[in-house]
Amino acid sequence: MKYLAMIYGNQEKWESFPAEAWPEAIARQEAFNRRYRETGELLGAYGLADAAAARLVRRDEAGAPAVTDGPYLETKEYMASFYLLDCESEERARQIAADLPFADEQPVELWPILHESAADV
């Protein structure tokens, strides 16, 4: 079954992280990505841009895209990165989510994916 694991943050949080700590943080993340790609359980890992770069797209009366600044919800924190997992059980998905770097400092939101209508990934 597939799961979506999400991490939330904000620009203030990222800017408060000491510059000298980034190389280790990136190395931990890459090790996590490599470990679970090799097992086949990590289908993708994606880091998102700052919320200031988000756009809302709607369709106007003529059917053309109508674009405004986003994000949709005005919140202090926003989805900063997400991971697409394919696990044999929810318990396994929980184990992988708990193994994410910094899961001991910040919760990881885990959602089961109930419907998949796109072609197989």
C-alpha atoms as a PDB file:
ATOM      1  CA  MET A   1       0.000   0.000   0.000  1.00  0.00           C
ATOM      2  CA  LYS A   2       1.183   3.523  -0.686  1.00  0.00           C
ATOM      3  CA  TYR A   3       1.574   6.253   1.925  1.00  0.00           C
ATOM      4  CA  LEU A   4       2.348   9.950   1.836  1.00  0.00           C
ATOM      5  CA  ALA A   5       4.684  11.180   4.583  1.00  0.00           C
ATOM      6  CA  MET A   6       4.796  14.962   5.034  1.00  0.00           C
ATOM      7  CA  ILE A   7       7.034  17.333   6.956  1.00  0.00           C
ATOM      8  CA  TYR A   8       5.955  20.887   7.756  1.00  0.00           C
ATOM      9  CA  GLY A   9       8.077  23.965   8.326  1.00  0.00           C
ATOM     10  CA  ASN A  10       8.490  27.626   7.458  1.00  0.00           C
ATOM     11  CA  GLN A  11      11.171  29.974   6.232  1.00  0.00           C
ATOM     12  CA  GLU A  12      11.848  31.276   9.737  1.00  0.00           C
ATOM     13  CA  LYS A  13      12.582  27.729  10.919  1.00  0.00           C
ATOM     14  CA  TRP A  14      14.997  27.056   8.043  1.00  0.00           C
ATOM     15  CA  GLU A  15      16.790  30.379   8.573  1.00  0.00           C
ATOM     16  CA  SER A  16      17.239  29.623  12.298  1.00  0.00           C
ATOM     17  CA  PHE A  17      19.119  26.425  11.453  1.00  0.00           C
ATOM     18  CA  PRO A  18      22.899  27.105  11.799  1.00  0.00           C
ATOM     19  CA  ALA A  19      24.640  27.245   8.415  1.00  0.00           C
ATOM     20  CA  GLU A  20      27.369  24.871   9.577  1.00  0.00           C
ATOM     21  CA  ALA A  21      24.738  22.218  10.423  1.00  0.00           C
ATOM     22  CA  TRP A  22      23.284  22.026   6.879  1.00  0.00           C
ATOM     23  CA  PRO A  23      25.905  19.663   5.389  1.00  0.00           C
ATOM     24  CA  GLU A  24      25.242  17.059   8.095  1.00  0.00           C
ATOM     25  CA  ALA A  25      21.464  17.489   7.757  1.00  0.00           C
ATOM     26  CA  ILE A  26      21.656  17.010   3.990  1.00  0.00           C
ATOM     27  CA  ALA A  27      23.902  13.954   4.413  1.00  0.00           C
ATOM     28  CA  ARG A  28      21.409  12.405   6.863  1.00  0.00           C
ATOM     29  CA  GLN A  29      18.580  13.023   4.411  1.00  0.00           C
ATOM     30  CA  GLU A  30      20.495  11.534   1.495  1.00  0.00           C
ATOM     31  CA  ALA A  31      21.357   8.453   3.587  1.00  0.00           C
ATOM     32  CA  PHE A  32      17.662   8.022   4.435  1.00  0.00           C
ATOM     33  CA  ASN A  33      16.685   8.420   0.761  1.00  0.00           C
ATOM     34  CA  ARG A  34      19.323   5.933  -0.400  1.00  0.00           C
ATOM     35  CA  ARG A  35      18.454   3.334   2.276  1.00  0.00           C
ATOM     36  CA  TYR A  36      14.748   3.229   1.425  1.00  0.00           C
ATOM     37  CA  ARG A  37      15.176   3.573  -2.337  1.00  0.00           C
ATOM     38  CA  GLU A  38      17.327   0.439  -2.175  1.00  0.00           C
ATOM     39  CA  THR A  39      14.543  -1.456  -0.370  1.00  0.00           C
ATOM     40  CA  GLY A  40      12.045  -0.199  -2.970  1.00  0.00           C
ATOM     41  CA  GLU A  41       9.891   1.401  -0.273  1.00  0.00           C
ATOM     42  CA  LEU A  42      10.739   5.027  -1.135  1.00  0.00           C
ATOM     43  CA  LEU A  43       9.229   5.914  -4.493  1.00  0.00           C
ATOM     44  CA  GLY A  44      10.082   9.604  -4.294  1.00  0.00           C
ATOM     45  CA  ALA A  45      11.282  12.337  -1.954  1.00  0.00           C
ATOM     46  CA  TYR A  46      10.470  15.948  -2.769  1.00  0.00           C
ATOM     47  CA  GLY A  47      11.447  19.220  -1.114  1.00  0.00           C
ATOM     48  CA  LEU A  48       9.179  22.163  -1.821  1.00  0.00           C
ATOM     49  CA  ALA A  49      10.044  25.836  -2.354  1.00  0.00           C
ATOM     50  CA  ASP A  50       9.171  28.498   0.199  1.00  0.00           C
ATOM     51  CA  ALA A  51       5.452  29.279   0.499  1.00  0.00           C
ATOM     52  CA  ALA A  52       6.076  32.650  -1.182  1.00  0.00           C
ATOM     53  CA  ALA A  53       6.639  30.740  -4.435  1.00  0.00           C
ATOM     54  CA  ALA A  54       3.275  28.912  -4.280  1.00  0.00           C
ATOM     55  CA  ARG A  55       0.556  29.825  -6.774  1.00  0.00           C
ATOM     56  CA  LEU A  56      -3.168  29.172  -6.819  1.00  0.00           C
ATOM     57  CA  VAL A  57      -4.514  28.155 -10.197  1.00  0.00           C
ATOM     58  CA  ARG A  58      -8.191  28.247 -11.020  1.00  0.00           C
ATOM     59  CA  ARG A  59     -10.101  28.162 -14.278  1.00  0.00           C
ATOM     60  CA  ASP A  60     -11.858  31.348 -15.326  1.00  0.00           C
ATOM     61  CA  GLU A  61     -15.214  31.501 -17.169  1.00  0.00           C
ATOM     62  CA  ALA A  62     -13.451  31.105 -20.528  1.00  0.00           C
ATOM     63  CA  GLY A  63     -11.605  28.013 -19.311  1.00  0.00           C
ATOM     64  CA  ALA A  64      -8.196  29.713 -19.122  1.00  0.00           C
ATOM     65  CA  PRO A  65      -5.934  29.432 -16.077  1.00  0.00           C
ATOM     66  CA  ALA A  66      -6.405  32.235 -13.537  1.00  0.00           C
ATOM     67  CA  VAL A  67      -3.303  32.464 -11.340  1.00  0.00           C
ATOM     68  CA  THR A  68      -2.896  34.256  -8.011  1.00  0.00           C
ATOM     69  CA  ASP A  69      -0.279  34.144  -5.277  1.00  0.00           C
ATOM     70  CA  GLY A  70      -0.628  31.261  -2.848  1.00  0.00           C
ATOM     71  CA  PRO A  71      -0.573  29.220  -0.777  1.00  0.00           C
ATOM     72  CA  TYR A  72      -4.215  28.271  -0.432  1.00  0.00           C
ATOM     73  CA  LEU A  73      -4.165  28.277   3.370  1.00  0.00           C
ATOM     74  CA  GLU A  74      -2.555  31.117   5.293  1.00  0.00           C
ATOM     75  CA  THR A  75      -0.757  29.305   8.075  1.00  0.00           C
ATOM     76  CA  LYS A  76       2.476  29.744   9.988  1.00  0.00           C
ATOM     77  CA  GLU A  77       3.780  26.404   8.754  1.00  0.00           C
ATOM     78  CA  TYR A  78       3.361  24.788   5.355  1.00  0.00           C
ATOM     79  CA  MET A  79       4.230  21.476   3.750  1.00  0.00           C
ATOM     80  CA  ALA A  80       7.988  21.630   3.227  1.00  0.00           C
ATOM     81  CA  SER A  81       8.677  18.170   1.862  1.00  0.00           C
ATOM     82  CA  PHE A  82       6.888  14.944   1.134  1.00  0.00           C
ATOM     83  CA  TYR A  83       7.770  11.321   0.551  1.00  0.00           C
ATOM     84  CA  LEU A  84       5.892   8.701  -1.416  1.00  0.00           C
ATOM     85  CA  LEU A  85       6.238   5.295   0.250  1.00  0.00           C
ATOM     86  CA  ASP A  86       5.171   1.844  -0.887  1.00  0.00           C
ATOM     87  CA  CYS A  87       5.048  -0.491   2.115  1.00  0.00           C
ATOM     88  CA  GLU A  88       3.576  -3.872   2.860  1.00  0.00           C
ATOM     89  CA  SER A  89       1.847  -2.570   5.996  1.00  0.00           C
ATOM     90  CA  GLU A  90       0.943   0.585   7.881  1.00  0.00           C
ATOM     91  CA  GLU A  91       3.269  -0.530  10.661  1.00  0.00           C
ATOM     92  CA  ARG A  92       6.180  -0.539   8.193  1.00  0.00           C
ATOM     93  CA  ALA A  93       5.194   2.924   6.901  1.00  0.00           C
ATOM     94  CA  ARG A  94       5.221   4.170  10.503  1.00  0.00           C
ATOM     95  CA  GLN A  95       8.684   2.720  11.047  1.00  0.00           C
ATOM     96  CA  ILE A  96      10.024   4.482   7.962  1.00  0.00           C
ATOM     97  CA  ALA A  97       8.332   7.771   8.904  1.00  0.00           C
ATOM     98  CA  ALA A  98       9.893   7.563  12.369  1.00  0.00           C
ATOM     99  CA  ASP A  99      13.294   7.015  10.732  1.00  0.00           C
ATOM    100  CA  LEU A 100      13.097  10.306   8.823  1.00  0.00           C
ATOM    101  CA  PRO A 101      15.836  12.719   9.871  1.00  0.00           C
ATOM    102  CA  PHE A 102      14.558  15.043  12.609  1.00  0.00           C
ATOM    103  CA  ALA A 103      11.433  12.946  13.299  1.00  0.00           C
ATOM    104  CA  ASP A 104      12.610  13.050  16.905  1.00  0.00           C
ATOM    105  CA  GLU A 105      12.245  16.861  16.820  1.00  0.00           C
ATOM    106  CA  GLN A 106       9.241  17.316  14.556  1.00  0.00           C
ATOM    107  CA  PRO A 107       6.299  15.048  13.781  1.00  0.00           C
ATOM    108  CA  VAL A 108       5.836  13.462  10.391  1.00  0.00           C
ATOM    109  CA  GLU A 109       2.282  13.367   9.053  1.00  0.00           C
ATOM    110  CA  LEU A 110       1.476   9.980   7.466  1.00  0.00           C
ATOM    111  CA  TRP A 111      -1.498   9.471   5.165  1.00  0.00           C
ATOM    112  CA  PRO A 112      -2.592   6.232   3.497  1.00  0.00           C
ATOM    113  CA  ILE A 113      -3.220   6.677  -0.234  1.00  0.00           C
ATOM    114  CA  LEU A 114      -6.581   5.115  -0.946  1.00  0.00           C
ATOM    115  CA  HIS A 115      -6.969   5.749  -4.676  1.00  0.00           C
ATOM    116  CA  GLU A 116      -4.412   5.833  -7.438  1.00  0.00           C
ATOM    117  CA  SER A 117      -5.736   6.839 -10.818  1.00  0.00           C
ATOM    118  CA  ALA A 118      -2.493   7.766 -12.619  1.00  0.00           C
ATOM    119  CA  ALA A 119      -0.415   5.186 -14.414  1.00  0.00           C
ATOM    120  CA  ASP A 120       1.724   3.026 -12.171  1.00  0.00           C
ATOM    121  CA  VAL A 121       4.697   4.867 -10.779  1.00  0.00           C
END
